[in-house]
Protein backbone atom coordinates (compact mmCIF):
# COMPACT_ATOMS: atom_id res chain seq x y z
CA MET A 1 76.65 -2.47 155.16
CA ASN A 2 78.74 -4.36 157.72
CA GLU A 3 82.32 -3.21 158.08
CA TYR A 4 85.01 -5.50 159.42
CA LEU A 5 88.51 -4.49 160.43
CA ILE A 6 90.80 -7.49 160.91
CA LEU A 7 94.21 -7.04 162.52
CA ASP A 8 97.21 -9.34 162.31
CA GLY A 9 97.82 -8.89 166.03
CA TYR A 10 101.53 -9.57 166.44
CA ASN A 11 102.39 -7.83 163.17
CA VAL A 12 100.56 -4.72 164.39
CA ILE A 13 102.23 -4.83 167.81
CA ASN A 14 105.68 -5.14 166.20
CA SER A 15 104.97 -2.24 163.82
CA TRP A 16 103.18 0.25 166.13
CA PRO A 17 105.95 2.14 168.00
CA LYS A 18 103.93 2.60 171.22
CA LEU A 19 103.01 -1.10 171.32
CA LYS A 20 106.48 -2.26 170.37
CA LEU A 21 107.85 -0.43 173.42
CA LEU A 22 105.25 -2.12 175.61
CA MET A 23 106.16 -5.50 174.12
CA ASN A 24 109.70 -5.05 175.46
CA GLU A 25 108.08 -4.89 178.89
CA SER A 26 105.55 -7.69 178.36
CA LEU A 27 103.79 -9.22 175.39
CA GLU A 28 100.63 -9.55 177.48
CA ILE A 29 100.65 -5.82 178.28
CA ALA A 30 101.14 -4.97 174.58
CA ARG A 31 98.24 -7.27 173.60
CA GLY A 32 96.05 -5.68 176.26
CA GLU A 33 96.87 -2.17 175.06
CA LEU A 34 96.11 -3.12 171.44
CA ILE A 35 92.73 -4.48 172.55
CA GLU A 36 92.00 -1.26 174.48
CA ILE A 37 92.98 0.90 171.49
CA MET A 38 90.80 -1.12 169.14
CA ALA A 39 87.86 -1.05 171.57
CA GLU A 40 88.03 2.76 171.49
CA TYR A 41 88.37 2.69 167.71
CA ARG A 42 85.39 0.33 167.38
CA ALA A 43 83.25 2.49 169.64
CA PHE A 44 84.03 5.63 167.63
CA LYS A 45 83.88 4.15 164.11
CA GLY A 46 81.15 1.57 164.64
CA VAL A 47 83.04 -1.21 162.82
CA ASN A 48 83.44 -4.87 163.77
CA VAL A 49 87.02 -5.40 164.95
CA ILE A 50 88.71 -8.80 164.93
CA ILE A 51 92.28 -9.20 166.20
CA VAL A 52 94.03 -12.43 165.21
CA PHE A 53 97.04 -13.67 167.19
CA ASP A 54 98.74 -16.78 165.94
CA ALA A 55 99.64 -19.63 168.21
CA TYR A 56 101.46 -21.45 165.38
CA LEU A 57 104.31 -22.70 167.60
CA VAL A 58 102.27 -23.24 170.77
CA LYS A 59 102.16 -27.02 171.36
CA GLY A 60 98.64 -28.37 171.78
CA SER A 61 97.04 -25.00 171.19
CA ILE A 62 93.44 -25.02 169.98
CA LYS A 63 91.63 -22.14 168.33
CA LYS A 64 90.27 -19.83 170.98
CA SER A 65 87.95 -16.88 170.41
CA GLU A 66 86.52 -14.38 172.88
CA LYS A 67 85.00 -10.91 172.91
CA LEU A 68 86.50 -8.17 175.06
CA ARG A 69 84.92 -4.71 175.10
CA GLY A 70 83.20 -5.50 171.79
CA VAL A 71 86.42 -6.61 170.06
CA GLU A 72 86.70 -10.21 168.89
CA ILE A 73 90.04 -11.75 169.88
CA VAL A 74 91.16 -14.93 168.11
CA PHE A 75 94.13 -17.14 168.98
CA THR A 76 94.75 -19.63 166.17
CA LYS A 77 95.34 -23.31 166.78
CA GLU A 78 98.72 -25.04 166.73
CA ARG A 79 100.33 -24.97 163.26
CA GLU A 80 97.92 -22.33 161.99
CA THR A 81 99.30 -18.90 161.17
CA ALA A 82 97.35 -15.70 161.62
CA ASP A 83 97.82 -15.17 157.86
CA SER A 84 96.05 -18.41 156.92
CA TYR A 85 93.24 -17.75 159.42
CA ILE A 86 92.78 -14.20 158.10
CA GLU A 87 92.76 -15.47 154.52
CA ARG A 88 89.91 -17.90 155.32
CA LEU A 89 88.06 -15.23 157.27
CA ILE A 90 88.25 -12.81 154.32
CA VAL A 91 86.79 -15.44 152.00
CA GLU A 92 84.01 -16.20 154.50
CA LEU A 93 83.12 -12.54 155.13
CA SER A 94 83.38 -11.58 151.46
CA LYS A 95 80.70 -14.11 150.49
CA ASN A 96 78.18 -11.55 151.70
CA ARG A 97 78.46 -8.59 149.34
CA ARG A 98 77.10 -6.32 152.06
CA ASN A 99 80.31 -6.82 154.05
CA ARG A 100 83.29 -4.53 153.61
CA VAL A 101 86.51 -6.06 154.92
CA SER A 102 89.82 -4.34 155.68
CA VAL A 103 92.97 -5.94 157.08
CA VAL A 104 95.67 -4.15 159.05
CA THR A 105 99.15 -5.57 158.48
CA ASN A 106 102.60 -4.56 157.29
CA ASP A 107 103.34 -8.05 155.97
CA TRP A 108 103.82 -7.61 152.19
CA THR A 109 102.81 -11.17 151.31
CA GLU A 110 99.69 -10.90 153.42
CA GLN A 111 98.83 -7.53 151.87
CA GLN A 112 98.89 -9.16 148.42
CA MET A 113 96.69 -12.00 149.66
CA VAL A 114 94.28 -9.48 151.19
CA LEU A 115 93.94 -7.58 147.93
CA GLY A 116 93.52 -10.83 145.98
CA GLY A 117 90.78 -11.90 148.38
CA GLY A 118 88.74 -8.79 147.73
CA ALA A 119 89.49 -6.98 150.97
CA THR A 120 91.22 -3.65 151.53
CA ARG A 121 94.67 -3.51 153.06
CA VAL A 122 95.59 -0.94 155.67
CA SER A 123 99.18 -0.44 156.74
CA VAL A 124 99.92 -0.14 160.44
CA ARG A 125 101.12 3.43 159.83
CA GLU A 126 97.73 4.31 158.30
CA MET A 127 96.00 2.70 161.30
CA VAL A 128 98.12 4.71 163.75
CA LEU A 129 97.32 7.96 161.90
CA ASP A 130 93.60 7.14 161.78
CA PHE A 131 93.55 6.33 165.51
CA ASP A 132 95.43 9.52 166.37
CA GLN A 133 92.87 11.56 164.40
CA ILE A 134 90.04 9.86 166.27
CA LYS A 135 91.69 10.58 169.63
CA ASN A 136 92.06 14.25 168.64
CA LYS A 137 88.36 14.43 167.69
CA ILE A 138 87.36 12.84 170.99
CA ASN A 139 89.58 15.24 172.94
CA LYS A 140 88.13 18.25 171.08
CA LYS A 141 84.58 17.10 171.87
CA ILE A 142 85.49 16.79 175.52
CA GLU A 143 87.17 20.22 175.61
CA THR A 144 84.46 22.21 173.83
CA PRO A 145 81.58 23.36 176.02
CA ARG A 146 78.44 21.42 175.42
CA LYS A 147 75.82 23.24 173.37
CA GLN A 148 72.19 23.39 174.39
CA LYS A 149 70.52 20.13 173.38
CA ASP A 150 67.39 20.76 171.33
CA THR A 151 66.11 17.39 170.15
CA LEU A 152 65.86 13.91 171.56
CA SER A 153 68.45 12.65 169.07
CA ASP A 154 70.87 15.30 170.37
CA ARG A 155 70.43 13.97 173.89
CA ILE A 156 70.87 10.27 173.15
CA ASP A 157 74.32 8.70 173.11
CA PRO A 158 75.40 8.27 169.44
CA SER A 159 75.98 4.52 169.84
CA ILE A 160 72.44 4.08 171.23
CA LEU A 161 71.05 6.25 168.43
CA GLU A 162 72.86 4.07 165.87
CA LYS A 163 71.40 0.90 167.43
CA LEU A 164 67.89 2.41 167.41
CA GLU A 165 68.30 3.36 163.75
CA LYS A 166 69.41 -0.19 162.86
CA PHE A 167 66.43 -1.55 164.81
CA ARG A 168 64.08 0.86 162.97
CA ARG A 169 65.38 -0.30 159.59
CA GLY A 170 64.83 -3.93 160.50
């Protein structure tokens, strides 16, 4: 099963206290921090992460997509909201029943659209709590002394092991 986590970028930045503070300093810094956070999240959870930023009011803007640290970053085209882009993306991804799609937003209207489109909605608060739990798990792993490694699978990085398992399954 392929898991996708789609974020309404500016909505998340405005709702995540740490990012909102950074936005007061610079929107670019806040965007960069969100991308870093989601790259860590993606690496730990093994989900496909897509962050959508709208360029609705940016004159002459064309849709732009790039991958940074495994996270897909999308800037919508002029006169296209992140909401409408996300709605189309949900429909596209949901065509394949093997895909599980979740959307992070605090926008009530968008949450209703997400649920109607067959995806799962995640509030920004839930995302913050989930990320904090992941950070705690990572920190505990770093702090605990490493046990004696007994098997090859114990010695291989978990992300590599996951890729090998996917390759094995075809």
